[in-house]
Amino acid sequence: MNLIKSILSIALIVGFTIAFVSCNEDDDLLPVVATTINDLNADYAPYESPLPTNRPPLRIGATNKFTLFSFKTGAIVPNADSTSSNWDIGFRSTTIIVNSGTSGPGTTTAQILNGTLTNIIEAPFDGYKSDNTAGTTPAERNAIPSGSGNGWYTYTGATNLVAPIAGKVIVVKTAENRYAKLEILSYYQGAPASPSPEPTGADKDRYYTFRYVYQPNDTRIF
């Protein structure tokens, strides 16, 4: 009987210790949350005014610089830091770059998956690409391809409309081996449901609204 009591006591102590350690480990984990960024200015430039009748209108005032963003801080990184590893992803017009290869000194990589922000619960182990010049077309040169239908958007020339493709999620592996997933919701200021783009409409383009999840812990699970 004493032997049985001793075994039970040891089992209880071991079980309590494991539970205590597990709780401590969980307490050390940083939270994983979904965040929405509204109207990130990706080098907006107004069209000339008044609009010409004998040729396509010009866009005046573009800086031709990327707006850089860090998933770790959840904030825009000054363009003066473009030669650093402080940023992960950059936006200019419809082009999205990652901090690697020909776009920056970092080792950030990315890929586009089919799915939604909700149902992609684990970042892939492989399949990521850096930005480089190995591709034969602009659509192939970046980890996140550019061009209508090649990556995250479609473009309709008749209406000058850029529309995010539903069911496309960008997954990013940062230089610190952390993961983020991003879904672009709108390309127009204020995220209108039915954009009427400039120059004939009133909605300004090159303003990204996107939702993302950053995993700050050492895991691919979101």
C-alpha atoms as a PDB file:
ATOM      1  CA  MET A   1       0.000   0.000   0.000  1.00  0.00           C
ATOM      2  CA  ASN A   2       2.816   2.390   0.894  1.00  0.00           C
ATOM      3  CA  LEU A   3       4.478   1.585  -2.434  1.00  0.00           C
ATOM      4  CA  ILE A   4       1.281   2.459  -4.325  1.00  0.00           C
ATOM      5  CA  LYS A   5       0.944   5.750  -2.412  1.00  0.00           C
ATOM      6  CA  SER A   6       4.549   6.624  -3.233  1.00  0.00           C
ATOM      7  CA  ILE A   7       4.054   5.920  -6.932  1.00  0.00           C
ATOM      8  CA  LEU A   8       0.895   8.043  -7.003  1.00  0.00           C
ATOM      9  CA  SER A   9       2.646  10.906  -5.213  1.00  0.00           C
ATOM     10  CA  ILE A  10       5.527  10.839  -7.694  1.00  0.00           C
ATOM     11  CA  ALA A  11       3.094  10.777 -10.605  1.00  0.00           C
ATOM     12  CA  LEU A  12       1.215  13.783  -9.224  1.00  0.00           C
ATOM     13  CA  ILE A  13       4.441  15.722  -8.712  1.00  0.00           C
ATOM     14  CA  VAL A  14       5.692  14.927 -12.235  1.00  0.00           C
ATOM     15  CA  GLY A  15       2.332  15.829 -13.753  1.00  0.00           C
ATOM     16  CA  PHE A  16       2.220  19.139 -11.881  1.00  0.00           C
ATOM     17  CA  THR A  17       5.773  19.955 -12.965  1.00  0.00           C
ATOM     18  CA  ILE A  18       5.024  19.260 -16.644  1.00  0.00           C
ATOM     19  CA  ALA A  19       1.847  21.361 -16.492  1.00  0.00           C
ATOM     20  CA  PHE A  20       3.719  24.190 -14.762  1.00  0.00           C
ATOM     21  CA  VAL A  21       6.491  24.171 -17.375  1.00  0.00           C
ATOM     22  CA  SER A  22       3.963  24.037 -20.200  1.00  0.00           C
ATOM     23  CA  CYS A  23       2.124  27.041 -18.784  1.00  0.00           C
ATOM     24  CA  ASN A  24       5.365  28.941 -18.471  1.00  0.00           C
ATOM     25  CA  GLU A  25       6.266  28.097 -22.075  1.00  0.00           C
ATOM     26  CA  ASP A  26       2.848  29.292 -23.274  1.00  0.00           C
ATOM     27  CA  ASP A  27       3.246  32.495 -21.285  1.00  0.00           C
ATOM     28  CA  ASP A  28       6.511  33.179 -23.120  1.00  0.00           C
ATOM     29  CA  LEU A  29       4.836  33.032 -26.540  1.00  0.00           C
ATOM     30  CA  LEU A  30       4.067  36.367 -28.165  1.00  0.00           C
ATOM     31  CA  PRO A  31       0.477  36.799 -29.384  1.00  0.00           C
ATOM     32  CA  VAL A  32      -0.482  36.217 -33.011  1.00  0.00           C
ATOM     33  CA  VAL A  33      -3.025  38.771 -34.208  1.00  0.00           C
ATOM     34  CA  ALA A  34      -4.597  39.888 -37.477  1.00  0.00           C
ATOM     35  CA  THR A  35      -3.941  43.539 -38.335  1.00  0.00           C
ATOM     36  CA  THR A  36      -5.432  45.754 -41.043  1.00  0.00           C
ATOM     37  CA  ILE A  37      -3.380  48.503 -42.685  1.00  0.00           C
ATOM     38  CA  ASN A  38      -5.509  51.173 -44.318  1.00  0.00           C
ATOM     39  CA  ASP A  39      -4.480  53.395 -47.234  1.00  0.00           C
ATOM     40  CA  LEU A  40      -0.764  52.683 -47.415  1.00  0.00           C
ATOM     41  CA  ASN A  41       0.465  55.210 -49.986  1.00  0.00           C
ATOM     42  CA  ALA A  42       2.316  53.317 -52.703  1.00  0.00           C
ATOM     43  CA  ASP A  43       3.688  56.379 -54.545  1.00  0.00           C
ATOM     44  CA  TYR A  44       0.416  58.038 -55.449  1.00  0.00           C
ATOM     45  CA  ALA A  45       0.710  60.564 -58.282  1.00  0.00           C
ATOM     46  CA  PRO A  46      -2.142  62.748 -59.579  1.00  0.00           C
ATOM     47  CA  TYR A  47      -3.015  62.959 -63.241  1.00  0.00           C
ATOM     48  CA  GLU A  48      -2.407  66.227 -65.026  1.00  0.00           C
ATOM     49  CA  SER A  49      -5.290  68.638 -65.000  1.00  0.00           C
ATOM     50  CA  PRO A  50      -7.136  69.507 -67.114  1.00  0.00           C
ATOM     51  CA  LEU A  51      -7.161  66.202 -68.914  1.00  0.00           C
ATOM     52  CA  PRO A  52      -5.838  66.397 -72.497  1.00  0.00           C
ATOM     53  CA  THR A  53      -8.069  65.361 -75.397  1.00  0.00           C
ATOM     54  CA  ASN A  54      -5.399  64.451 -77.939  1.00  0.00           C
ATOM     55  CA  ARG A  55      -3.303  61.979 -75.890  1.00  0.00           C
ATOM     56  CA  PRO A  56      -3.369  59.875 -72.717  1.00  0.00           C
ATOM     57  CA  PRO A  57      -3.021  61.944 -69.525  1.00  0.00           C
ATOM     58  CA  LEU A  58       0.282  62.054 -67.674  1.00  0.00           C
ATOM     59  CA  ARG A  59       0.815  61.440 -63.985  1.00  0.00           C
ATOM     60  CA  ILE A  60       2.752  64.210 -62.275  1.00  0.00           C
ATOM     61  CA  GLY A  61       4.658  64.124 -58.997  1.00  0.00           C
ATOM     62  CA  ALA A  62       5.439  60.443 -58.436  1.00  0.00           C
ATOM     63  CA  THR A  63       8.570  59.856 -56.337  1.00  0.00           C
ATOM     64  CA  ASN A  64       9.262  56.491 -57.983  1.00  0.00           C
ATOM     65  CA  LYS A  65      10.185  55.124 -54.536  1.00  0.00           C
ATOM     66  CA  PHE A  66       8.805  52.102 -52.729  1.00  0.00           C
ATOM     67  CA  THR A  67       6.905  52.417 -49.476  1.00  0.00           C
ATOM     68  CA  LEU A  68       8.679  49.958 -47.182  1.00  0.00           C
ATOM     69  CA  PHE A  69       6.975  47.964 -44.434  1.00  0.00           C
ATOM     70  CA  SER A  70       8.119  45.823 -41.515  1.00  0.00           C
ATOM     71  CA  PHE A  71       5.917  42.998 -40.253  1.00  0.00           C
ATOM     72  CA  LYS A  72       7.835  42.846 -36.970  1.00  0.00           C
ATOM     73  CA  THR A  73       7.080  46.455 -36.073  1.00  0.00           C
ATOM     74  CA  GLY A  74       3.834  46.730 -38.025  1.00  0.00           C
ATOM     75  CA  ALA A  75       4.961  50.080 -39.393  1.00  0.00           C
ATOM     76  CA  ILE A  76       6.314  51.866 -42.455  1.00  0.00           C
ATOM     77  CA  VAL A  77      10.114  51.997 -42.618  1.00  0.00           C
ATOM     78  CA  PRO A  78      11.693  55.260 -43.855  1.00  0.00           C
ATOM     79  CA  ASN A  79      12.941  55.025 -47.413  1.00  0.00           C
ATOM     80  CA  ALA A  80      16.326  56.171 -46.133  1.00  0.00           C
ATOM     81  CA  ASP A  81      16.615  52.650 -44.661  1.00  0.00           C
ATOM     82  CA  SER A  82      16.069  50.955 -48.018  1.00  0.00           C
ATOM     83  CA  THR A  83      19.643  49.617 -47.962  1.00  0.00           C
ATOM     84  CA  SER A  84      19.123  48.010 -44.548  1.00  0.00           C
ATOM     85  CA  SER A  85      17.409  44.811 -43.421  1.00  0.00           C
ATOM     86  CA  ASN A  86      14.865  46.776 -41.357  1.00  0.00           C
ATOM     87  CA  TRP A  87      12.071  46.255 -43.884  1.00  0.00           C
ATOM     88  CA  ASP A  88      10.419  43.131 -45.283  1.00  0.00           C
ATOM     89  CA  ILE A  89       8.195  44.217 -48.155  1.00  0.00           C
ATOM     90  CA  GLY A  90       7.806  47.270 -50.372  1.00  0.00           C
ATOM     91  CA  PHE A  91       4.949  48.745 -52.429  1.00  0.00           C
ATOM     92  CA  ARG A  92       5.093  51.011 -55.477  1.00  0.00           C
ATOM     93  CA  SER A  93       2.104  51.239 -57.776  1.00  0.00           C
ATOM     94  CA  THR A  94       1.111  47.603 -58.475  1.00  0.00           C
ATOM     95  CA  THR A  95       4.646  46.283 -57.912  1.00  0.00           C
ATOM     96  CA  ILE A  96       5.459  44.566 -54.613  1.00  0.00           C
ATOM     97  CA  ILE A  97       9.050  43.726 -53.703  1.00  0.00           C
ATOM     98  CA  VAL A  98      10.686  41.806 -50.874  1.00  0.00           C
ATOM     99  CA  ASN A  99      13.965  42.651 -49.192  1.00  0.00           C
ATOM    100  CA  SER A 100      16.307  40.310 -51.052  1.00  0.00           C
ATOM    101  CA  GLY A 101      18.171  39.793 -54.303  1.00  0.00           C
ATOM    102  CA  THR A 102      17.931  42.774 -56.619  1.00  0.00           C
ATOM    103  CA  SER A 103      15.477  44.630 -54.368  1.00  0.00           C
ATOM    104  CA  GLY A 104      17.390  44.829 -51.100  1.00  0.00           C
ATOM    105  CA  PRO A 105      20.256  43.525 -48.949  1.00  0.00           C
ATOM    106  CA  GLY A 106      18.098  41.220 -46.835  1.00  0.00           C
ATOM    107  CA  THR A 107      17.096  37.582 -47.186  1.00  0.00           C
ATOM    108  CA  THR A 108      13.308  37.970 -47.124  1.00  0.00           C
ATOM    109  CA  THR A 109      11.469  35.620 -49.488  1.00  0.00           C
ATOM    110  CA  ALA A 110       7.835  35.155 -50.471  1.00  0.00           C
ATOM    111  CA  GLN A 111       5.289  33.190 -52.461  1.00  0.00           C
ATOM    112  CA  ILE A 112       1.619  33.458 -53.388  1.00  0.00           C
ATOM    113  CA  LEU A 113      -0.797  30.764 -52.201  1.00  0.00           C
ATOM    114  CA  ASN A 114      -4.395  30.013 -53.123  1.00  0.00           C
ATOM    115  CA  GLY A 115      -6.629  30.365 -50.093  1.00  0.00           C
ATOM    116  CA  THR A 116      -7.800  32.894 -47.555  1.00  0.00           C
ATOM    117  CA  LEU A 117      -6.180  34.505 -44.558  1.00  0.00           C
ATOM    118  CA  THR A 118      -8.388  32.346 -42.351  1.00  0.00           C
ATOM    119  CA  ASN A 119      -7.835  28.928 -43.871  1.00  0.00           C
ATOM    120  CA  ILE A 120      -4.069  29.192 -44.400  1.00  0.00           C
ATOM    121  CA  ILE A 121      -3.020  28.184 -40.900  1.00  0.00           C
ATOM    122  CA  GLU A 122       0.554  27.080 -41.616  1.00  0.00           C
ATOM    123  CA  ALA A 123       3.277  28.678 -43.720  1.00  0.00           C
ATOM    124  CA  PRO A 124       4.831  26.300 -46.259  1.00  0.00           C
ATOM    125  CA  PHE A 125       8.245  24.833 -45.494  1.00  0.00           C
ATOM    126  CA  ASP A 126       9.606  25.618 -48.970  1.00  0.00           C
ATOM    127  CA  GLY A 127       8.618  27.255 -52.255  1.00  0.00           C
ATOM    128  CA  TYR A 128       9.766  30.760 -51.344  1.00  0.00           C
ATOM    129  CA  LYS A 129      11.565  33.012 -53.815  1.00  0.00           C
ATOM    130  CA  SER A 130      13.752  36.090 -53.604  1.00  0.00           C
ATOM    131  CA  ASP A 131      13.647  39.024 -56.019  1.00  0.00           C
ATOM    132  CA  ASN A 132      16.111  38.531 -58.872  1.00  0.00           C
ATOM    133  CA  THR A 133      16.737  39.194 -62.540  1.00  0.00           C
ATOM    134  CA  ALA A 134      16.766  35.568 -63.656  1.00  0.00           C
ATOM    135  CA  GLY A 135      13.272  35.746 -65.114  1.00  0.00           C
ATOM    136  CA  THR A 136      12.705  36.554 -68.765  1.00  0.00           C
ATOM    137  CA  THR A 137       9.718  38.839 -68.127  1.00  0.00           C
ATOM    138  CA  PRO A 138       8.892  41.386 -65.398  1.00  0.00           C
ATOM    139  CA  ALA A 139       6.237  39.020 -64.096  1.00  0.00           C
ATOM    140  CA  GLU A 140       8.890  36.391 -63.380  1.00  0.00           C
ATOM    141  CA  ARG A 141      11.578  38.583 -61.851  1.00  0.00           C
ATOM    142  CA  ASN A 142      10.025  39.195 -58.451  1.00  0.00           C
ATOM    143  CA  ALA A 143       8.903  36.737 -55.806  1.00  0.00           C
ATOM    144  CA  ILE A 144       5.482  38.392 -56.057  1.00  0.00           C
ATOM    145  CA  PRO A 145       4.830  38.551 -59.824  1.00  0.00           C
ATOM    146  CA  SER A 146       3.617  41.760 -61.442  1.00  0.00           C
ATOM    147  CA  GLY A 147       1.210  42.115 -64.350  1.00  0.00           C
ATOM    148  CA  SER A 148      -2.503  41.494 -64.718  1.00  0.00           C
ATOM    149  CA  GLY A 149      -3.442  37.958 -63.712  1.00  0.00           C
ATOM    150  CA  ASN A 150       0.123  36.979 -62.849  1.00  0.00           C
ATOM    151  CA  GLY A 151       0.100  37.594 -59.121  1.00  0.00           C
ATOM    152  CA  TRP A 152      -2.295  39.401 -56.804  1.00  0.00           C
ATOM    153  CA  TYR A 153      -4.414  41.546 -59.180  1.00  0.00           C
ATOM    154  CA  THR A 154      -6.142  41.947 -62.521  1.00  0.00           C
ATOM    155  CA  TYR A 155      -6.232  45.126 -64.609  1.00  0.00           C
ATOM    156  CA  THR A 156      -9.063  46.248 -66.879  1.00  0.00           C
ATOM    157  CA  GLY A 157      -7.845  48.857 -69.367  1.00  0.00           C
ATOM    158  CA  ALA A 158     -11.304  50.084 -70.396  1.00  0.00           C
ATOM    159  CA  THR A 159     -12.048  51.264 -66.862  1.00  0.00           C
ATOM    160  CA  ASN A 160      -8.462  51.665 -65.582  1.00  0.00           C
ATOM    161  CA  LEU A 161      -9.416  49.341 -62.732  1.00  0.00           C
ATOM    162  CA  VAL A 162      -6.968  47.320 -60.631  1.00  0.00           C
ATOM    163  CA  ALA A 163      -8.757  44.630 -58.645  1.00  0.00           C
ATOM    164  CA  PRO A 164      -7.231  42.207 -56.106  1.00  0.00           C
ATOM    165  CA  ILE A 165      -7.778  38.575 -57.076  1.00  0.00           C
ATOM    166  CA  ALA A 166      -9.930  36.840 -54.492  1.00  0.00           C
ATOM    167  CA  GLY A 167      -8.329  33.812 -52.885  1.00  0.00           C
ATOM    168  CA  LYS A 168      -4.710  34.977 -53.209  1.00  0.00           C
ATOM    169  CA  VAL A 169      -2.565  35.209 -50.078  1.00  0.00           C
ATOM    170  CA  ILE A 170       1.064  36.367 -49.985  1.00  0.00           C
ATOM    171  CA  VAL A 171       3.173  34.396 -47.503  1.00  0.00           C
ATOM    172  CA  VAL A 172       6.466  35.970 -46.476  1.00  0.00           C
ATOM    173  CA  LYS A 173       9.488  34.444 -44.757  1.00  0.00           C
ATOM    174  CA  THR A 174      11.474  37.243 -43.135  1.00  0.00           C
ATOM    175  CA  ALA A 175      15.227  37.522 -42.665  1.00  0.00           C
ATOM    176  CA  GLU A 176      14.710  36.429 -39.033  1.00  0.00           C
ATOM    177  CA  ASN A 177      12.967  33.228 -40.167  1.00  0.00           C
ATOM    178  CA  ARG A 178       9.593  34.474 -39.034  1.00  0.00           C
ATOM    179  CA  TYR A 179       6.461  34.195 -41.153  1.00  0.00           C
ATOM    180  CA  ALA A 180       3.684  36.546 -42.231  1.00  0.00           C
ATOM    181  CA  LYS A 181       0.609  36.101 -44.396  1.00  0.00           C
ATOM    182  CA  LEU A 182      -1.004  39.012 -46.216  1.00  0.00           C
ATOM    183  CA  GLU A 183      -4.235  39.514 -48.136  1.00  0.00           C
ATOM    184  CA  ILE A 184      -4.720  42.666 -50.231  1.00  0.00           C
ATOM    185  CA  LEU A 185      -8.246  44.034 -49.873  1.00  0.00           C
ATOM    186  CA  SER A 186      -8.164  47.208 -51.968  1.00  0.00           C
ATOM    187  CA  TYR A 187      -5.915  49.315 -54.197  1.00  0.00           C
ATOM    188  CA  TYR A 188      -7.929  52.526 -53.778  1.00  0.00           C
ATOM    189  CA  GLN A 189      -8.025  55.190 -51.091  1.00  0.00           C
ATOM    190  CA  GLY A 190     -10.784  54.517 -48.616  1.00  0.00           C
ATOM    191  CA  ALA A 191     -11.230  50.947 -49.940  1.00  0.00           C
ATOM    192  CA  PRO A 192     -14.451  51.666 -51.878  1.00  0.00           C
ATOM    193  CA  ALA A 193     -16.613  48.650 -52.644  1.00  0.00           C
ATOM    194  CA  SER A 194     -16.971  49.654 -56.312  1.00  0.00           C
ATOM    195  CA  PRO A 195     -14.013  51.887 -57.243  1.00  0.00           C
ATOM    196  CA  SER A 196     -14.323  54.553 -59.919  1.00  0.00           C
ATOM    197  CA  PRO A 197     -10.640  55.155 -60.689  1.00  0.00           C
ATOM    198  CA  GLU A 198      -8.959  58.340 -61.798  1.00  0.00           C
ATOM    199  CA  PRO A 199      -8.524  59.996 -64.237  1.00  0.00           C
ATOM    200  CA  THR A 200     -12.218  59.900 -65.143  1.00  0.00           C
ATOM    201  CA  GLY A 201     -13.410  58.802 -61.700  1.00  0.00           C
ATOM    202  CA  ALA A 202     -12.758  60.194 -58.238  1.00  0.00           C
ATOM    203  CA  ASP A 203     -11.039  57.264 -56.518  1.00  0.00           C
ATOM    204  CA  LYS A 204      -7.274  57.589 -56.076  1.00  0.00           C
ATOM    205  CA  ASP A 205      -5.263  54.439 -56.716  1.00  0.00           C
ATOM    206  CA  ARG A 206      -1.937  53.252 -55.245  1.00  0.00           C
ATOM    207  CA  TYR A 207      -3.442  53.213 -51.756  1.00  0.00           C
ATOM    208  CA  TYR A 208      -3.228  49.679 -50.369  1.00  0.00           C
ATOM    209  CA  THR A 209      -5.557  48.332 -47.738  1.00  0.00           C
ATOM    210  CA  PHE A 210      -4.414  44.917 -46.599  1.00  0.00           C
ATOM    211  CA  ARG A 211      -4.853  42.511 -43.731  1.00  0.00           C
ATOM    212  CA  TYR A 212      -1.944  40.490 -42.387  1.00  0.00           C
ATOM    213  CA  VAL A 213      -0.904  38.104 -39.648  1.00  0.00           C
ATOM    214  CA  TYR A 214       2.674  38.033 -38.367  1.00  0.00           C
ATOM    215  CA  GLN A 215       3.964  35.023 -36.422  1.00  0.00           C
ATOM    216  CA  PRO A 216       6.623  36.396 -34.037  1.00  0.00           C
ATOM    217  CA  ASN A 217       7.432  32.987 -32.575  1.00  0.00           C
ATOM    218  CA  ASP A 218       9.668  30.242 -33.941  1.00  0.00           C
ATOM    219  CA  THR A 219       6.932  28.296 -35.719  1.00  0.00           C
ATOM    220  CA  ARG A 220       5.246  28.166 -39.109  1.00  0.00           C
ATOM    221  CA  ILE A 221       1.816  27.836 -37.486  1.00  0.00           C
ATOM    222  CA  PHE A 222      -0.336  30.991 -37.575  1.00  0.00           C
END
